[in-house]
Amino acid sequence: GNKLTQAEINWLKQKGREDIITLAKIASLKSQVESGHPLNSAEIDWLTQNGREDIISLAIDTYAARLKSKAKSGHSFNDAEIDWLTQNGRESIIIAQLKSKAESGKTLTLAEIEWLKQNGREDIITLAQMANLKYLVESGRLLSKAQIDWLKQKGREDLVSIAIDTYAARLKSKAKSGNSLTDAEIDLLTQNGRKKKEK
């Protein structure tokens, strides 16, 4: 597994022993792969030319396992890692990582949302939106009319009800303190059957 020095390589070339140079390079690249370091494109090309697709396959499996471990520890992938996983047919690792992120209520980046759309996984985008709105509702934050309408479309009347009750309680407090309600606030309460709570 030790690399040959340049002097050793030159000596072997002089003696016509390129076979030993090749064996040493293969051993060095295999050791690199086993220690978890990815191969660059030149190394992959060299291994392909020398019929060592087994080392390329090992490199892909090893690096994919490393990225899978990274995802399980809650870290996001950078663009280069996403590209690598996609090019090497490991989209399932990206999907699992983004699904876990969505379920935990963390916001997806625009790049992640775009990748999910391109790969037909709008279900994970919906999951992320749902988790985010659920968090907002449970933490007592007010939802916009658009957010409430979206929850209704997705059949989450339970969250809509909590959101409207929270909103109605705040508006009731606002009205009791002598502040007038806006037409939009009254409309929202009326449309959601909470007009009485505001009085």
C-alpha atoms as a PDB file:
ATOM      1  CA  GLY A   1       0.000   0.000   0.000  1.00  0.00           C
ATOM      2  CA  ASN A   2       3.010   2.365   0.192  1.00  0.00           C
ATOM      3  CA  LYS A   3       3.403   4.689  -2.778  1.00  0.00           C
ATOM      4  CA  LEU A   4       6.487   4.339  -4.909  1.00  0.00           C
ATOM      5  CA  THR A   5       8.848   7.292  -4.905  1.00  0.00           C
ATOM      6  CA  GLN A   6       9.534   9.069  -8.163  1.00  0.00           C
ATOM      7  CA  ALA A   7      13.069   7.597  -8.158  1.00  0.00           C
ATOM      8  CA  GLU A   8      11.648   4.076  -7.819  1.00  0.00           C
ATOM      9  CA  ILE A   9       9.153   4.724 -10.633  1.00  0.00           C
ATOM     10  CA  ASN A  10      11.956   6.022 -12.885  1.00  0.00           C
ATOM     11  CA  TRP A  11      14.122   2.979 -12.093  1.00  0.00           C
ATOM     12  CA  LEU A  12      11.264   0.547 -12.831  1.00  0.00           C
ATOM     13  CA  LYS A  13      10.546   2.338 -16.119  1.00  0.00           C
ATOM     14  CA  GLN A  14      14.225   1.999 -17.101  1.00  0.00           C
ATOM     15  CA  LYS A  15      14.046  -1.712 -16.376  1.00  0.00           C
ATOM     16  CA  GLY A  16      10.798  -2.067 -18.382  1.00  0.00           C
ATOM     17  CA  ARG A  17       8.733  -3.014 -15.315  1.00  0.00           C
ATOM     18  CA  GLU A  18       5.646  -0.850 -15.843  1.00  0.00           C
ATOM     19  CA  ASP A  19       3.647  -3.836 -14.525  1.00  0.00           C
ATOM     20  CA  ILE A  20       5.017  -3.199 -11.028  1.00  0.00           C
ATOM     21  CA  ILE A  21       4.225   0.528 -11.328  1.00  0.00           C
ATOM     22  CA  THR A  22       0.655  -0.398 -12.301  1.00  0.00           C
ATOM     23  CA  LEU A  23       0.318  -2.830  -9.377  1.00  0.00           C
ATOM     24  CA  ALA A  24       1.637  -0.205  -6.960  1.00  0.00           C
ATOM     25  CA  LYS A  25      -0.771   2.416  -8.268  1.00  0.00           C
ATOM     26  CA  ILE A  26      -3.705  -0.001  -8.008  1.00  0.00           C
ATOM     27  CA  ALA A  27      -2.725  -0.834  -4.402  1.00  0.00           C
ATOM     28  CA  SER A  28      -2.405   2.859  -3.579  1.00  0.00           C
ATOM     29  CA  LEU A  29      -5.812   3.721  -5.069  1.00  0.00           C
ATOM     30  CA  LYS A  30      -7.449   0.766  -3.314  1.00  0.00           C
ATOM     31  CA  SER A  31      -5.968   1.915  -0.001  1.00  0.00           C
ATOM     32  CA  GLN A  32      -7.228   5.455  -0.683  1.00  0.00           C
ATOM     33  CA  VAL A  33     -10.730   4.125  -1.372  1.00  0.00           C
ATOM     34  CA  GLU A  34     -10.763   1.892   1.716  1.00  0.00           C
ATOM     35  CA  SER A  35      -9.865   4.879   3.889  1.00  0.00           C
ATOM     36  CA  GLY A  36     -12.991   6.657   2.613  1.00  0.00           C
ATOM     37  CA  HIS A  37     -11.483   9.115   0.145  1.00  0.00           C
ATOM     38  CA  PRO A  38     -13.317   9.462  -3.196  1.00  0.00           C
ATOM     39  CA  LEU A  39     -11.565   8.981  -6.515  1.00  0.00           C
ATOM     40  CA  ASN A  40     -11.168  11.881  -8.922  1.00  0.00           C
ATOM     41  CA  SER A  41     -12.126  11.547 -12.597  1.00  0.00           C
ATOM     42  CA  ALA A  42      -8.508  10.957 -13.737  1.00  0.00           C
ATOM     43  CA  GLU A  43      -8.121   8.100 -11.241  1.00  0.00           C
ATOM     44  CA  ILE A  44     -11.443   6.580 -12.349  1.00  0.00           C
ATOM     45  CA  ASP A  45     -10.365   6.822 -16.012  1.00  0.00           C
ATOM     46  CA  TRP A  46      -7.014   5.175 -15.192  1.00  0.00           C
ATOM     47  CA  LEU A  47      -8.689   2.317 -13.293  1.00  0.00           C
ATOM     48  CA  THR A  48     -11.150   1.799 -16.170  1.00  0.00           C
ATOM     49  CA  GLN A  49      -8.289   1.658 -18.679  1.00  0.00           C
ATOM     50  CA  ASN A  50      -6.562  -0.915 -16.486  1.00  0.00           C
ATOM     51  CA  GLY A  51      -9.671  -3.070 -16.056  1.00  0.00           C
ATOM     52  CA  ARG A  52     -10.147  -2.389 -12.336  1.00  0.00           C
ATOM     53  CA  GLU A  53     -13.854  -1.521 -12.241  1.00  0.00           C
ATOM     54  CA  ASP A  54     -13.975  -3.466  -8.954  1.00  0.00           C
ATOM     55  CA  ILE A  55     -12.058  -0.646  -7.236  1.00  0.00           C
ATOM     56  CA  ILE A  56     -14.334   1.956  -8.836  1.00  0.00           C
ATOM     57  CA  SER A  57     -17.354   0.036  -7.538  1.00  0.00           C
ATOM     58  CA  LEU A  58     -15.776  -0.186  -4.079  1.00  0.00           C
ATOM     59  CA  ALA A  59     -15.100   3.558  -4.183  1.00  0.00           C
ATOM     60  CA  ILE A  60     -18.720   4.307  -5.062  1.00  0.00           C
ATOM     61  CA  ASP A  61     -20.040   2.037  -2.288  1.00  0.00           C
ATOM     62  CA  THR A  62     -17.599   3.432   0.290  1.00  0.00           C
ATOM     63  CA  TYR A  63     -18.272   7.079  -0.513  1.00  0.00           C
ATOM     64  CA  ALA A  64     -22.035   6.480  -0.674  1.00  0.00           C
ATOM     65  CA  ALA A  65     -21.895   4.872   2.789  1.00  0.00           C
ATOM     66  CA  ARG A  66     -19.962   7.885   4.084  1.00  0.00           C
ATOM     67  CA  LEU A  67     -22.597  10.274   2.701  1.00  0.00           C
ATOM     68  CA  LYS A  68     -25.398   8.116   4.097  1.00  0.00           C
ATOM     69  CA  SER A  69     -23.757   8.327   7.518  1.00  0.00           C
ATOM     70  CA  LYS A  70     -23.470  12.103   7.119  1.00  0.00           C
ATOM     71  CA  ALA A  71     -27.200  12.298   6.331  1.00  0.00           C
ATOM     72  CA  LYS A  72     -28.131  10.161   9.347  1.00  0.00           C
ATOM     73  CA  SER A  73     -26.243  12.554  11.610  1.00  0.00           C
ATOM     74  CA  GLY A  74     -28.528  15.370  10.419  1.00  0.00           C
ATOM     75  CA  HIS A  75     -26.202  17.138   7.986  1.00  0.00           C
ATOM     76  CA  SER A  76     -27.317  18.356   4.577  1.00  0.00           C
ATOM     77  CA  PHE A  77     -25.510  17.530   1.362  1.00  0.00           C
ATOM     78  CA  ASN A  78     -23.698  20.192  -0.622  1.00  0.00           C
ATOM     79  CA  ASP A  79     -24.295  20.587  -4.369  1.00  0.00           C
ATOM     80  CA  ALA A  80     -21.244  18.487  -5.320  1.00  0.00           C
ATOM     81  CA  GLU A  81     -22.405  15.615  -3.096  1.00  0.00           C
ATOM     82  CA  ILE A  82     -25.943  15.766  -4.522  1.00  0.00           C
ATOM     83  CA  ASP A  83     -24.495  15.720  -8.052  1.00  0.00           C
ATOM     84  CA  TRP A  84     -22.245  12.766  -7.174  1.00  0.00           C
ATOM     85  CA  LEU A  85     -25.084  10.762  -5.613  1.00  0.00           C
ATOM     86  CA  THR A  86     -27.338  11.487  -8.607  1.00  0.00           C
ATOM     87  CA  GLN A  87     -24.665  10.554 -11.157  1.00  0.00           C
ATOM     88  CA  ASN A  88     -23.961   7.304  -9.313  1.00  0.00           C
ATOM     89  CA  GLY A  89     -27.582   6.196  -9.002  1.00  0.00           C
ATOM     90  CA  ARG A  90     -27.826   6.814  -5.249  1.00  0.00           C
ATOM     91  CA  GLU A  91     -30.824   9.169  -5.294  1.00  0.00           C
ATOM     92  CA  SER A  92     -32.416   7.067  -2.529  1.00  0.00           C
ATOM     93  CA  ILE A  93     -29.830   8.466  -0.070  1.00  0.00           C
ATOM     94  CA  ILE A  94     -30.793  12.045  -0.999  1.00  0.00           C
ATOM     95  CA  ILE A  95     -34.495  11.234  -0.738  1.00  0.00           C
ATOM     96  CA  ALA A  96     -34.084   9.631   2.706  1.00  0.00           C
ATOM     97  CA  GLN A  97     -32.076  12.626   3.945  1.00  0.00           C
ATOM     98  CA  LEU A  98     -34.585  15.190   2.625  1.00  0.00           C
ATOM     99  CA  LYS A  99     -37.551  13.195   3.951  1.00  0.00           C
ATOM    100  CA  SER A 100     -35.958  13.070   7.401  1.00  0.00           C
ATOM    101  CA  LYS A 101     -35.274  16.802   7.228  1.00  0.00           C
ATOM    102  CA  ALA A 102     -38.864  17.489   6.161  1.00  0.00           C
ATOM    103  CA  GLU A 103     -40.364  15.310   8.902  1.00  0.00           C
ATOM    104  CA  SER A 104     -38.329  17.120  11.539  1.00  0.00           C
ATOM    105  CA  GLY A 105     -39.826  20.448  10.434  1.00  0.00           C
ATOM    106  CA  LYS A 106     -36.569  21.872   9.076  1.00  0.00           C
ATOM    107  CA  THR A 107     -36.936  24.175   6.089  1.00  0.00           C
ATOM    108  CA  LEU A 108     -35.814  22.787   2.749  1.00  0.00           C
ATOM    109  CA  THR A 109     -33.497  24.992   0.682  1.00  0.00           C
ATOM    110  CA  LEU A 110     -34.564  26.195  -2.760  1.00  0.00           C
ATOM    111  CA  ALA A 111     -31.960  23.873  -4.311  1.00  0.00           C
ATOM    112  CA  GLU A 112     -33.390  20.906  -2.381  1.00  0.00           C
ATOM    113  CA  ILE A 113     -36.951  21.799  -3.416  1.00  0.00           C
ATOM    114  CA  GLU A 114     -35.842  22.110  -7.054  1.00  0.00           C
ATOM    115  CA  TRP A 115     -34.075  18.727  -6.893  1.00  0.00           C
ATOM    116  CA  LEU A 116     -37.200  17.102  -5.437  1.00  0.00           C
ATOM    117  CA  LYS A 117     -39.361  18.611  -8.197  1.00  0.00           C
ATOM    118  CA  GLN A 118     -36.954  17.404 -10.895  1.00  0.00           C
ATOM    119  CA  ASN A 119     -37.054  13.920  -9.392  1.00  0.00           C
ATOM    120  CA  GLY A 120     -40.844  13.776  -9.019  1.00  0.00           C
ATOM    121  CA  ARG A 121     -40.871  13.880  -5.211  1.00  0.00           C
ATOM    122  CA  GLU A 122     -43.381  16.656  -4.549  1.00  0.00           C
ATOM    123  CA  ASP A 123     -44.674  14.444  -1.713  1.00  0.00           C
ATOM    124  CA  ILE A 124     -41.592  15.364   0.341  1.00  0.00           C
ATOM    125  CA  ILE A 125     -42.112  19.074  -0.413  1.00  0.00           C
ATOM    126  CA  THR A 126     -45.701  18.696   0.838  1.00  0.00           C
ATOM    127  CA  LEU A 127     -44.443  16.844   3.917  1.00  0.00           C
ATOM    128  CA  ALA A 128     -42.033  19.690   4.672  1.00  0.00           C
ATOM    129  CA  GLN A 129     -44.734  22.329   4.237  1.00  0.00           C
ATOM    130  CA  MET A 130     -47.089  20.361   6.455  1.00  0.00           C
ATOM    131  CA  ALA A 131     -44.473  19.913   9.186  1.00  0.00           C
ATOM    132  CA  ASN A 132     -43.606  23.615   9.059  1.00  0.00           C
ATOM    133  CA  LEU A 133     -47.242  24.720   9.312  1.00  0.00           C
ATOM    134  CA  LYS A 134     -47.897  22.197  12.093  1.00  0.00           C
ATOM    135  CA  TYR A 135     -44.968  23.691  14.006  1.00  0.00           C
ATOM    136  CA  LEU A 136     -46.325  27.217  13.471  1.00  0.00           C
ATOM    137  CA  VAL A 137     -49.801  26.191  14.628  1.00  0.00           C
ATOM    138  CA  GLU A 138     -48.543  24.320  17.693  1.00  0.00           C
ATOM    139  CA  SER A 139     -46.323  27.231  18.687  1.00  0.00           C
ATOM    140  CA  GLY A 140     -49.314  29.603  18.554  1.00  0.00           C
ATOM    141  CA  ARG A 141     -48.201  31.583  15.513  1.00  0.00           C
ATOM    142  CA  LEU A 142     -50.774  33.061  13.176  1.00  0.00           C
ATOM    143  CA  LEU A 143     -51.202  31.529   9.737  1.00  0.00           C
ATOM    144  CA  SER A 144     -52.043  33.482   6.605  1.00  0.00           C
ATOM    145  CA  LYS A 145     -55.269  32.875   4.712  1.00  0.00           C
ATOM    146  CA  ALA A 146     -53.233  31.145   1.979  1.00  0.00           C
ATOM    147  CA  GLN A 147     -51.682  28.786   4.538  1.00  0.00           C
ATOM    148  CA  ILE A 148     -55.084  27.990   6.039  1.00  0.00           C
ATOM    149  CA  ASP A 149     -56.542  27.369   2.551  1.00  0.00           C
ATOM    150  CA  TRP A 150     -53.600  25.061   1.745  1.00  0.00           C
ATOM    151  CA  LEU A 151     -54.193  23.047   4.935  1.00  0.00           C
ATOM    152  CA  LYS A 152     -57.881  22.719   4.013  1.00  0.00           C
ATOM    153  CA  GLN A 153     -56.937  21.452   0.539  1.00  0.00           C
ATOM    154  CA  LYS A 154     -54.705  18.836   2.152  1.00  0.00           C
ATOM    155  CA  GLY A 155     -57.490  17.686   4.491  1.00  0.00           C
ATOM    156  CA  ARG A 156     -55.866  18.941   7.690  1.00  0.00           C
ATOM    157  CA  GLU A 157     -58.967  20.453   9.282  1.00  0.00           C
ATOM    158  CA  ASP A 158     -57.477  19.582  12.689  1.00  0.00           C
ATOM    159  CA  LEU A 159     -54.643  22.063  12.155  1.00  0.00           C
ATOM    160  CA  VAL A 160     -56.994  24.609  10.577  1.00  0.00           C
ATOM    161  CA  SER A 161     -59.236  24.422  13.649  1.00  0.00           C
ATOM    162  CA  ILE A 162     -56.301  24.993  16.041  1.00  0.00           C
ATOM    163  CA  ALA A 163     -54.998  27.845  13.858  1.00  0.00           C
ATOM    164  CA  ILE A 164     -58.410  29.536  13.702  1.00  0.00           C
ATOM    165  CA  ASP A 165     -58.987  29.098  17.463  1.00  0.00           C
ATOM    166  CA  THR A 166     -55.576  30.677  18.137  1.00  0.00           C
ATOM    167  CA  TYR A 167     -56.331  33.531  15.738  1.00  0.00           C
ATOM    168  CA  ALA A 168     -59.831  34.036  17.172  1.00  0.00           C
ATOM    169  CA  ALA A 169     -58.446  34.215  20.730  1.00  0.00           C
ATOM    170  CA  ARG A 170     -55.957  36.903  19.667  1.00  0.00           C
ATOM    171  CA  LEU A 171     -58.636  38.900  17.862  1.00  0.00           C
ATOM    172  CA  LYS A 172     -60.966  38.591  20.862  1.00  0.00           C
ATOM    173  CA  SER A 173     -58.198  40.019  23.038  1.00  0.00           C
ATOM    174  CA  LYS A 174     -57.629  42.780  20.481  1.00  0.00           C
ATOM    175  CA  ALA A 175     -61.359  43.661  20.432  1.00  0.00           C
ATOM    176  CA  LYS A 176     -61.595  43.620  24.252  1.00  0.00           C
ATOM    177  CA  SER A 177     -58.748  46.094  24.485  1.00  0.00           C
ATOM    178  CA  GLY A 178     -60.769  48.536  22.382  1.00  0.00           C
ATOM    179  CA  ASN A 179     -59.035  48.002  19.024  1.00  0.00           C
ATOM    180  CA  SER A 180     -61.213  47.627  15.946  1.00  0.00           C
ATOM    181  CA  LEU A 181     -60.927  44.534  13.820  1.00  0.00           C
ATOM    182  CA  THR A 182     -60.123  44.959  10.144  1.00  0.00           C
ATOM    183  CA  ASP A 183     -62.521  43.758   7.455  1.00  0.00           C
ATOM    184  CA  ALA A 184     -60.018  41.025   6.550  1.00  0.00           C
ATOM    185  CA  GLU A 185     -59.904  39.804  10.159  1.00  0.00           C
ATOM    186  CA  ILE A 186     -63.713  39.762  10.403  1.00  0.00           C
ATOM    187  CA  ASP A 187     -63.974  37.983   7.027  1.00  0.00           C
ATOM    188  CA  LEU A 188     -61.528  35.292   8.118  1.00  0.00           C
ATOM    189  CA  LEU A 189     -63.444  34.670  11.336  1.00  0.00           C
ATOM    190  CA  THR A 190     -66.801  34.637   9.526  1.00  0.00           C
ATOM    191  CA  GLN A 191     -65.561  32.278   6.780  1.00  0.00           C
ATOM    192  CA  ASN A 192     -64.295  29.856   9.408  1.00  0.00           C
ATOM    193  CA  GLY A 193     -67.310  29.954  11.722  1.00  0.00           C
ATOM    194  CA  ARG A 194     -65.610  31.869  14.538  1.00  0.00           C
ATOM    195  CA  LYS A 195     -67.479  35.187  14.351  1.00  0.00           C
ATOM    196  CA  LYS A 196     -69.111  34.685  17.751  1.00  0.00           C
ATOM    197  CA  LYS A 197     -65.762  34.189  19.446  1.00  0.00           C
ATOM    198  CA  GLU A 198     -64.631  37.605  18.335  1.00  0.00           C
ATOM    199  CA  LYS A 199     -67.549  39.459  19.981  1.00  0.00           C
END
